[in-house]
Amino acid sequence: MGMLPDGEQEFAVCSRKGCRAPAGWELLWNNPRIHTPDRRKVWLACGEHRDWLEDYLQTRSLWIETVPHSEPTVTSQDGDR
């Protein structure tokens, strides 16, 4: 995995500034001052930055939960995967 020929990445990367590692976690959060309670924003995290990003969100009372990241499934037009 890595970069596609046109420079686009073929995998989701960590949201930590400067990190290009593949994401393994989704940190779900919202800002209750501007988002409705059911709104979920998502930051992606690699194993190295998961704790740092969680702490950042928790300190600001924004963090909701952390779940394993799963790449979206791409289906063809005829429904085959």
PDB file of N, CA and C in Angstrom:
ATOM      1  N   MET A   1       0.838  -1.178   0.000  1.00  0.00           N
ATOM      2  CA  MET A   1       0.000   0.000   0.000  1.00  0.00           C
ATOM      3  C   MET A   1       0.881   1.239   0.000  1.00  0.00           C
ATOM      4  N   GLY A   2       0.297   2.345  -0.319  1.00  0.00           N
ATOM      5  CA  GLY A   2       1.053   3.584  -0.359  1.00  0.00           C
ATOM      6  C   GLY A   2       0.366   4.567  -1.272  1.00  0.00           C
ATOM      7  N   MET A   3       1.139   5.089  -2.209  1.00  0.00           N
ATOM      8  CA  MET A   3       0.611   6.099  -3.104  1.00  0.00           C
ATOM      9  C   MET A   3       0.170   5.479  -4.428  1.00  0.00           C
ATOM     10  N   LEU A   4      -0.912   5.993  -4.973  1.00  0.00           N
ATOM     11  CA  LEU A   4      -1.356   5.613  -6.305  1.00  0.00           C
ATOM     12  C   LEU A   4      -0.529   6.402  -7.318  1.00  0.00           C
ATOM     13  N   PRO A   5      -0.530   5.987  -8.587  1.00  0.00           N
ATOM     14  CA  PRO A   5       0.289   6.680  -9.585  1.00  0.00           C
ATOM     15  C   PRO A   5       0.028   8.185  -9.672  1.00  0.00           C
ATOM     16  N   ASP A   6      -1.196   8.626  -9.445  1.00  0.00           N
ATOM     17  CA  ASP A   6      -1.502  10.059  -9.545  1.00  0.00           C
ATOM     18  C   ASP A   6      -1.182  10.814  -8.257  1.00  0.00           C
ATOM     19  N   GLY A   7      -0.524  10.159  -7.291  1.00  0.00           N
ATOM     20  CA  GLY A   7      -0.143  10.807  -6.044  1.00  0.00           C
ATOM     21  C   GLY A   7      -1.174  10.685  -4.941  1.00  0.00           C
ATOM     22  N   GLU A   8      -2.309  10.094  -5.256  1.00  0.00           N
ATOM     23  CA  GLU A   8      -3.362   9.922  -4.263  1.00  0.00           C
ATOM     24  C   GLU A   8      -3.044   8.705  -3.390  1.00  0.00           C
ATOM     25  N   GLN A   9      -3.369   8.785  -2.099  1.00  0.00           N
ATOM     26  CA  GLN A   9      -3.107   7.660  -1.207  1.00  0.00           C
ATOM     27  C   GLN A   9      -4.190   6.605  -1.364  1.00  0.00           C
ATOM     28  N   GLU A  10      -3.813   5.344  -1.214  1.00  0.00           N
ATOM     29  CA  GLU A  10      -4.782   4.262  -1.356  1.00  0.00           C
ATOM     30  C   GLU A  10      -5.268   3.755  -0.004  1.00  0.00           C
ATOM     31  N   PHE A  11      -4.885   4.409   1.085  1.00  0.00           N
ATOM     32  CA  PHE A  11      -5.350   4.018   2.407  1.00  0.00           C
ATOM     33  C   PHE A  11      -5.574   5.268   3.246  1.00  0.00           C
ATOM     34  N   ALA A  12      -6.416   5.136   4.252  1.00  0.00           N
ATOM     35  CA  ALA A  12      -6.695   6.249   5.157  1.00  0.00           C
ATOM     36  C   ALA A  12      -5.488   6.462   6.063  1.00  0.00           C
ATOM     37  N   VAL A  13      -5.139   7.722   6.299  1.00  0.00           N
ATOM     38  CA  VAL A  13      -3.967   8.035   7.116  1.00  0.00           C
ATOM     39  C   VAL A  13      -4.372   8.720   8.417  1.00  0.00           C
ATOM     40  N   CYS A  14      -3.479   8.660   9.361  1.00  0.00           N
ATOM     41  CA  CYS A  14      -3.647   9.261  10.673  1.00  0.00           C
ATOM     42  C   CYS A  14      -3.902  10.767  10.545  1.00  0.00           C
ATOM     43  N   SER A  15      -4.760  11.306  11.423  1.00  0.00           N
ATOM     44  CA  SER A  15      -5.090  12.728  11.412  1.00  0.00           C
ATOM     45  C   SER A  15      -4.067  13.599  12.132  1.00  0.00           C
ATOM     46  N   ARG A  16      -3.115  13.008  12.845  1.00  0.00           N
ATOM     47  CA  ARG A  16      -2.098  13.782  13.566  1.00  0.00           C
ATOM     48  C   ARG A  16      -1.243  14.532  12.558  1.00  0.00           C
ATOM     49  N   LYS A  17      -1.025  15.819  12.815  1.00  0.00           N
ATOM     50  CA  LYS A  17      -0.262  16.664  11.899  1.00  0.00           C
ATOM     51  C   LYS A  17       1.090  16.035  11.567  1.00  0.00           C
ATOM     52  N   GLY A  18       1.356  15.910  10.280  1.00  0.00           N
ATOM     53  CA  GLY A  18       2.627  15.389   9.811  1.00  0.00           C
ATOM     54  C   GLY A  18       2.722  13.881   9.735  1.00  0.00           C
ATOM     55  N   CYS A  19       1.745  13.163  10.255  1.00  0.00           N
ATOM     56  CA  CYS A  19       1.791  11.698  10.245  1.00  0.00           C
ATOM     57  C   CYS A  19       1.153  11.176   8.962  1.00  0.00           C
ATOM     58  N   ARG A  20       1.814  10.250   8.300  1.00  0.00           N
ATOM     59  CA  ARG A  20       1.281   9.642   7.077  1.00  0.00           C
ATOM     60  C   ARG A  20       1.050   8.151   7.269  1.00  0.00           C
ATOM     61  N   ALA A  21       1.056   7.688   8.520  1.00  0.00           N
ATOM     62  CA  ALA A  21       0.876   6.262   8.810  1.00  0.00           C
ATOM     63  C   ALA A  21      -0.569   5.842   8.556  1.00  0.00           C
ATOM     64  N   PRO A  22      -0.778   4.592   8.181  1.00  0.00           N
ATOM     65  CA  PRO A  22      -2.140   4.095   7.983  1.00  0.00           C
ATOM     66  C   PRO A  22      -2.948   4.182   9.277  1.00  0.00           C
ATOM     67  N   ALA A  23      -4.201   4.543   9.137  1.00  0.00           N
ATOM     68  CA  ALA A  23      -5.094   4.654  10.291  1.00  0.00           C
ATOM     69  C   ALA A  23      -5.563   3.278  10.740  1.00  0.00           C
ATOM     70  N   GLY A  24      -5.596   3.073  12.036  1.00  0.00           N
ATOM     71  CA  GLY A  24      -6.117   1.838  12.608  1.00  0.00           C
ATOM     72  C   GLY A  24      -7.305   2.091  13.516  1.00  0.00           C
ATOM     73  N   TRP A  25      -7.568   3.380  13.806  1.00  0.00           N
ATOM     74  CA  TRP A  25      -8.614   3.749  14.763  1.00  0.00           C
ATOM     75  C   TRP A  25      -9.406   4.948  14.270  1.00  0.00           C
ATOM     76  N   GLU A  26     -10.680   4.994  14.676  1.00  0.00           N
ATOM     77  CA  GLU A  26     -11.541   6.147  14.434  1.00  0.00           C
ATOM     78  C   GLU A  26     -11.895   6.745  15.781  1.00  0.00           C
ATOM     79  N   LEU A  27     -11.580   8.008  15.982  1.00  0.00           N
ATOM     80  CA  LEU A  27     -11.938   8.715  17.200  1.00  0.00           C
ATOM     81  C   LEU A  27     -13.175   9.541  16.891  1.00  0.00           C
ATOM     82  N   LEU A  28     -14.279   9.189  17.515  1.00  0.00           N
ATOM     83  CA  LEU A  28     -15.546   9.871  17.276  1.00  0.00           C
ATOM     84  C   LEU A  28     -15.696  10.988  18.296  1.00  0.00           C
ATOM     85  N   TRP A  29     -16.076  12.155  17.832  1.00  0.00           N
ATOM     86  CA  TRP A  29     -16.178  13.301  18.722  1.00  0.00           C
ATOM     87  C   TRP A  29     -17.196  14.290  18.186  1.00  0.00           C
ATOM     88  N   ASN A  30     -17.573  15.237  19.024  1.00  0.00           N
ATOM     89  CA  ASN A  30     -18.342  16.389  18.577  1.00  0.00           C
ATOM     90  C   ASN A  30     -18.115  17.539  19.539  1.00  0.00           C
ATOM     91  N   ASN A  31     -18.409  18.719  19.092  1.00  0.00           N
ATOM     92  CA  ASN A  31     -18.323  19.908  19.931  1.00  0.00           C
ATOM     93  C   ASN A  31     -19.747  20.262  20.325  1.00  0.00           C
ATOM     94  N   PRO A  32     -20.138  20.008  21.584  1.00  0.00           N
ATOM     95  CA  PRO A  32     -21.525  20.232  21.990  1.00  0.00           C
ATOM     96  C   PRO A  32     -21.968  21.689  21.889  1.00  0.00           C
ATOM     97  N   ARG A  33     -21.023  22.610  21.798  1.00  0.00           N
ATOM     98  CA  ARG A  33     -21.399  24.023  21.656  1.00  0.00           C
ATOM     99  C   ARG A  33     -21.897  24.338  20.253  1.00  0.00           C
ATOM    100  N   ILE A  34     -21.491  23.546  19.258  1.00  0.00           N
ATOM    101  CA  ILE A  34     -21.902  23.851  17.881  1.00  0.00           C
ATOM    102  C   ILE A  34     -22.547  22.679  17.144  1.00  0.00           C
ATOM    103  N   HIS A  35     -22.454  21.464  17.687  1.00  0.00           N
ATOM    104  CA  HIS A  35     -23.029  20.285  17.030  1.00  0.00           C
ATOM    105  C   HIS A  35     -24.206  19.745  17.831  1.00  0.00           C
ATOM    106  N   THR A  36     -25.165  19.146  17.137  1.00  0.00           N
ATOM    107  CA  THR A  36     -26.254  18.462  17.826  1.00  0.00           C
ATOM    108  C   THR A  36     -25.685  17.216  18.498  1.00  0.00           C
ATOM    109  N   PRO A  37     -26.333  16.702  19.558  1.00  0.00           N
ATOM    110  CA  PRO A  37     -25.792  15.548  20.289  1.00  0.00           C
ATOM    111  C   PRO A  37     -25.549  14.307  19.428  1.00  0.00           C
ATOM    112  N   ASP A  38     -26.320  14.123  18.351  1.00  0.00           N
ATOM    113  CA  ASP A  38     -26.155  12.927  17.523  1.00  0.00           C
ATOM    114  C   ASP A  38     -25.093  13.093  16.428  1.00  0.00           C
ATOM    115  N   ARG A  39     -24.568  14.280  16.250  1.00  0.00           N
ATOM    116  CA  ARG A  39     -23.530  14.534  15.236  1.00  0.00           C
ATOM    117  C   ARG A  39     -22.217  13.902  15.667  1.00  0.00           C
ATOM    118  N   ARG A  40     -21.534  13.246  14.746  1.00  0.00           N
ATOM    119  CA  ARG A  40     -20.242  12.633  15.027  1.00  0.00           C
ATOM    120  C   ARG A  40     -19.223  13.095  13.997  1.00  0.00           C
ATOM    121  N   LYS A  41     -18.150  13.667  14.475  1.00  0.00           N
ATOM    122  CA  LYS A  41     -16.996  13.986  13.649  1.00  0.00           C
ATOM    123  C   LYS A  41     -16.017  12.832  13.841  1.00  0.00           C
ATOM    124  N   VAL A  42     -15.139  12.603  12.882  1.00  0.00           N
ATOM    125  CA  VAL A  42     -14.209  11.471  12.969  1.00  0.00           C
ATOM    126  C   VAL A  42     -12.788  11.943  12.672  1.00  0.00           C
ATOM    127  N   TRP A  43     -11.897  11.611  13.586  1.00  0.00           N
ATOM    128  CA  TRP A  43     -10.464  11.726  13.338  1.00  0.00           C
ATOM    129  C   TRP A  43      -9.938  10.314  13.228  1.00  0.00           C
ATOM    130  N   LEU A  44      -8.985  10.103  12.337  1.00  0.00           N
ATOM    131  CA  LEU A  44      -8.350   8.798  12.193  1.00  0.00           C
ATOM    132  C   LEU A  44      -7.017   8.812  12.929  1.00  0.00           C
ATOM    133  N   ALA A  45      -6.660   7.680  13.518  1.00  0.00           N
ATOM    134  CA  ALA A  45      -5.412   7.605  14.276  1.00  0.00           C
ATOM    135  C   ALA A  45      -4.660   6.319  13.975  1.00  0.00           C
ATOM    136  N   CYS A  46      -3.341   6.441  13.917  1.00  0.00           N
ATOM    137  CA  CYS A  46      -2.485   5.257  13.868  1.00  0.00           C
ATOM    138  C   CYS A  46      -2.269   4.815  15.317  1.00  0.00           C
ATOM    139  N   GLY A  47      -1.670   3.662  15.512  1.00  0.00           N
ATOM    140  CA  GLY A  47      -1.424   3.161  16.857  1.00  0.00           C
ATOM    141  C   GLY A  47      -0.549   4.086  17.686  1.00  0.00           C
ATOM    142  N   GLU A  48       0.416   4.729  17.044  1.00  0.00           N
ATOM    143  CA  GLU A  48       1.333   5.617  17.763  1.00  0.00           C
ATOM    144  C   GLU A  48       0.651   6.880  18.285  1.00  0.00           C
ATOM    145  N   HIS A  49      -0.337   7.402  17.554  1.00  0.00           N
ATOM    146  CA  HIS A  49      -0.947   8.678  17.924  1.00  0.00           C
ATOM    147  C   HIS A  49      -2.350   8.568  18.528  1.00  0.00           C
ATOM    148  N   ARG A  50      -2.860   7.367  18.651  1.00  0.00           N
ATOM    149  CA  ARG A  50      -4.208   7.193  19.200  1.00  0.00           C
ATOM    150  C   ARG A  50      -4.343   7.855  20.574  1.00  0.00           C
ATOM    151  N   ASP A  51      -3.451   7.536  21.502  1.00  0.00           N
ATOM    152  CA  ASP A  51      -3.550   8.088  22.859  1.00  0.00           C
ATOM    153  C   ASP A  51      -3.430   9.607  22.864  1.00  0.00           C
ATOM    154  N   TRP A  52      -2.518  10.148  22.053  1.00  0.00           N
ATOM    155  CA  TRP A  52      -2.330  11.598  22.009  1.00  0.00           C
ATOM    156  C   TRP A  52      -3.601  12.295  21.527  1.00  0.00           C
ATOM    157  N   LEU A  53      -4.195  11.782  20.440  1.00  0.00           N
ATOM    158  CA  LEU A  53      -5.411  12.390  19.903  1.00  0.00           C
ATOM    159  C   LEU A  53      -6.593  12.229  20.858  1.00  0.00           C
ATOM    160  N   GLU A  54      -6.715  11.056  21.495  1.00  0.00           N
ATOM    161  CA  GLU A  54      -7.781  10.859  22.488  1.00  0.00           C
ATOM    162  C   GLU A  54      -7.636  11.853  23.632  1.00  0.00           C
ATOM    163  N   ASP A  55      -6.420  12.000  24.146  1.00  0.00           N
ATOM    164  CA  ASP A  55      -6.181  12.931  25.249  1.00  0.00           C
ATOM    165  C   ASP A  55      -6.532  14.360  24.842  1.00  0.00           C
ATOM    166  N   TYR A  56      -6.160  14.753  23.633  1.00  0.00           N
ATOM    167  CA  TYR A  56      -6.470  16.089  23.127  1.00  0.00           C
ATOM    168  C   TYR A  56      -7.983  16.330  23.152  1.00  0.00           C
ATOM    169  N   LEU A  57      -8.743  15.365  22.645  1.00  0.00           N
ATOM    170  CA  LEU A  57     -10.201  15.509  22.602  1.00  0.00           C
ATOM    171  C   LEU A  57     -10.823  15.426  23.992  1.00  0.00           C
ATOM    172  N   GLN A  58     -10.336  14.516  24.833  1.00  0.00           N
ATOM    173  CA  GLN A  58     -10.885  14.364  26.182  1.00  0.00           C
ATOM    174  C   GLN A  58     -10.639  15.610  27.021  1.00  0.00           C
ATOM    175  N   THR A  59      -9.467  16.198  26.912  1.00  0.00           N
ATOM    176  CA  THR A  59      -9.143  17.407  27.672  1.00  0.00           C
ATOM    177  C   THR A  59     -10.118  18.534  27.349  1.00  0.00           C
ATOM    178  N   ARG A  60     -10.620  18.557  26.145  1.00  0.00           N
ATOM    179  CA  ARG A  60     -11.547  19.597  25.706  1.00  0.00           C
ATOM    180  C   ARG A  60     -13.010  19.157  25.778  1.00  0.00           C
ATOM    181  N   SER A  61     -13.262  17.995  26.388  1.00  0.00           N
ATOM    182  CA  SER A  61     -14.619  17.434  26.533  1.00  0.00           C
ATOM    183  C   SER A  61     -15.313  17.246  25.190  1.00  0.00           C
ATOM    184  N   LEU A  62     -14.558  16.808  24.192  1.00  0.00           N
ATOM    185  CA  LEU A  62     -15.098  16.585  22.854  1.00  0.00           C
ATOM    186  C   LEU A  62     -15.188  15.107  22.486  1.00  0.00           C
ATOM    187  N   TRP A  63     -14.366  14.269  23.115  1.00  0.00           N
ATOM    188  CA  TRP A  63     -14.267  12.856  22.760  1.00  0.00           C
ATOM    189  C   TRP A  63     -15.538  12.103  23.143  1.00  0.00           C
ATOM    190  N   ILE A  64     -15.981  11.190  22.264  1.00  0.00           N
ATOM    191  CA  ILE A  64     -17.139  10.337  22.541  1.00  0.00           C
ATOM    192  C   ILE A  64     -16.703   8.888  22.669  1.00  0.00           C
ATOM    193  N   GLU A  65     -16.041   8.349  21.641  1.00  0.00           N
ATOM    194  CA  GLU A  65     -15.545   6.974  21.715  1.00  0.00           C
ATOM    195  C   GLU A  65     -14.507   6.724  20.631  1.00  0.00           C
ATOM    196  N   THR A  66     -13.760   5.642  20.810  1.00  0.00           N
ATOM    197  CA  THR A  66     -12.763   5.206  19.833  1.00  0.00           C
ATOM    198  C   THR A  66     -13.117   3.800  19.392  1.00  0.00           C
ATOM    199  N   VAL A  67     -13.152   3.597  18.077  1.00  0.00           N
ATOM    200  CA  VAL A  67     -13.497   2.294  17.514  1.00  0.00           C
ATOM    201  C   VAL A  67     -12.454   1.916  16.466  1.00  0.00           C
ATOM    202  N   PRO A  68     -12.283   0.616  16.210  1.00  0.00           N
ATOM    203  CA  PRO A  68     -11.349   0.205  15.153  1.00  0.00           C
ATOM    204  C   PRO A  68     -11.782   0.772  13.798  1.00  0.00           C
ATOM    205  N   HIS A  69     -10.815   1.170  13.010  1.00  0.00           N
ATOM    206  CA  HIS A  69     -11.092   1.699  11.673  1.00  0.00           C
ATOM    207  C   HIS A  69     -11.235   0.547  10.693  1.00  0.00           C
ATOM    208  N   SER A  70     -12.232   0.628   9.854  1.00  0.00           N
ATOM    209  CA  SER A  70     -12.370  -0.355   8.777  1.00  0.00           C
ATOM    210  C   SER A  70     -12.487   0.416   7.471  1.00  0.00           C
ATOM    211  N   GLU A  71     -11.704   0.019   6.504  1.00  0.00           N
ATOM    212  CA  GLU A  71     -11.734   0.672   5.196  1.00  0.00           C
ATOM    213  C   GLU A  71     -13.103   0.455   4.568  1.00  0.00           C
ATOM    214  N   PRO A  72     -13.638   1.472   3.889  1.00  0.00           N
ATOM    215  CA  PRO A  72     -14.923   1.276   3.215  1.00  0.00           C
ATOM    216  C   PRO A  72     -14.805   0.222   2.126  1.00  0.00           C
ATOM    217  N   THR A  73     -15.865  -0.532   1.956  1.00  0.00           N
ATOM    218  CA  THR A  73     -15.904  -1.550   0.915  1.00  0.00           C
ATOM    219  C   THR A  73     -16.348  -0.902  -0.384  1.00  0.00           C
ATOM    220  N   VAL A  74     -15.583  -1.106  -1.429  1.00  0.00           N
ATOM    221  CA  VAL A  74     -15.922  -0.571  -2.741  1.00  0.00           C
ATOM    222  C   VAL A  74     -16.628  -1.664  -3.521  1.00  0.00           C
ATOM    223  N   THR A  75     -17.786  -1.346  -4.072  1.00  0.00           N
ATOM    224  CA  THR A  75     -18.522  -2.322  -4.873  1.00  0.00           C
ATOM    225  C   THR A  75     -18.589  -1.841  -6.311  1.00  0.00           C
ATOM    226  N   SER A  76     -18.598  -2.790  -7.222  1.00  0.00           N
ATOM    227  CA  SER A  76     -18.738  -2.438  -8.627  1.00  0.00           C
ATOM    228  C   SER A  76     -20.206  -2.179  -8.921  1.00  0.00           C
ATOM    229  N   GLN A  77     -20.490  -1.707 -10.120  1.00  0.00           N
ATOM    230  CA  GLN A  77     -21.861  -1.386 -10.477  1.00  0.00           C
ATOM    231  C   GLN A  77     -22.763  -2.609 -10.493  1.00  0.00           C
ATOM    232  N   ASP A  78     -22.211  -3.797 -10.726  1.00  0.00           N
ATOM    233  CA  ASP A  78     -23.050  -4.990 -10.750  1.00  0.00           C
ATOM    234  C   ASP A  78     -23.184  -5.619  -9.366  1.00  0.00           C
ATOM    235  N   GLY A  79     -22.635  -4.956  -8.335  1.00  0.00           N
ATOM    236  CA  GLY A  79     -22.812  -5.441  -6.972  1.00  0.00           C
ATOM    237  C   GLY A  79     -21.724  -6.358  -6.465  1.00  0.00           C
ATOM    238  N   ASP A  80     -20.776  -6.762  -7.332  1.00  0.00           N
ATOM    239  CA  ASP A  80     -19.674  -7.610  -6.877  1.00  0.00           C
ATOM    240  C   ASP A  80     -18.681  -6.781  -6.086  1.00  0.00           C
ATOM    241  N   ARG A  81     -18.023  -7.416  -5.115  1.00  0.00           N
ATOM    242  CA  ARG A  81     -16.999  -6.720  -4.337  1.00  0.00           C
ATOM    243  C   ARG A  81     -15.645  -6.979  -4.918  1.00  0.00           C
TER     244      ARG A  81
END
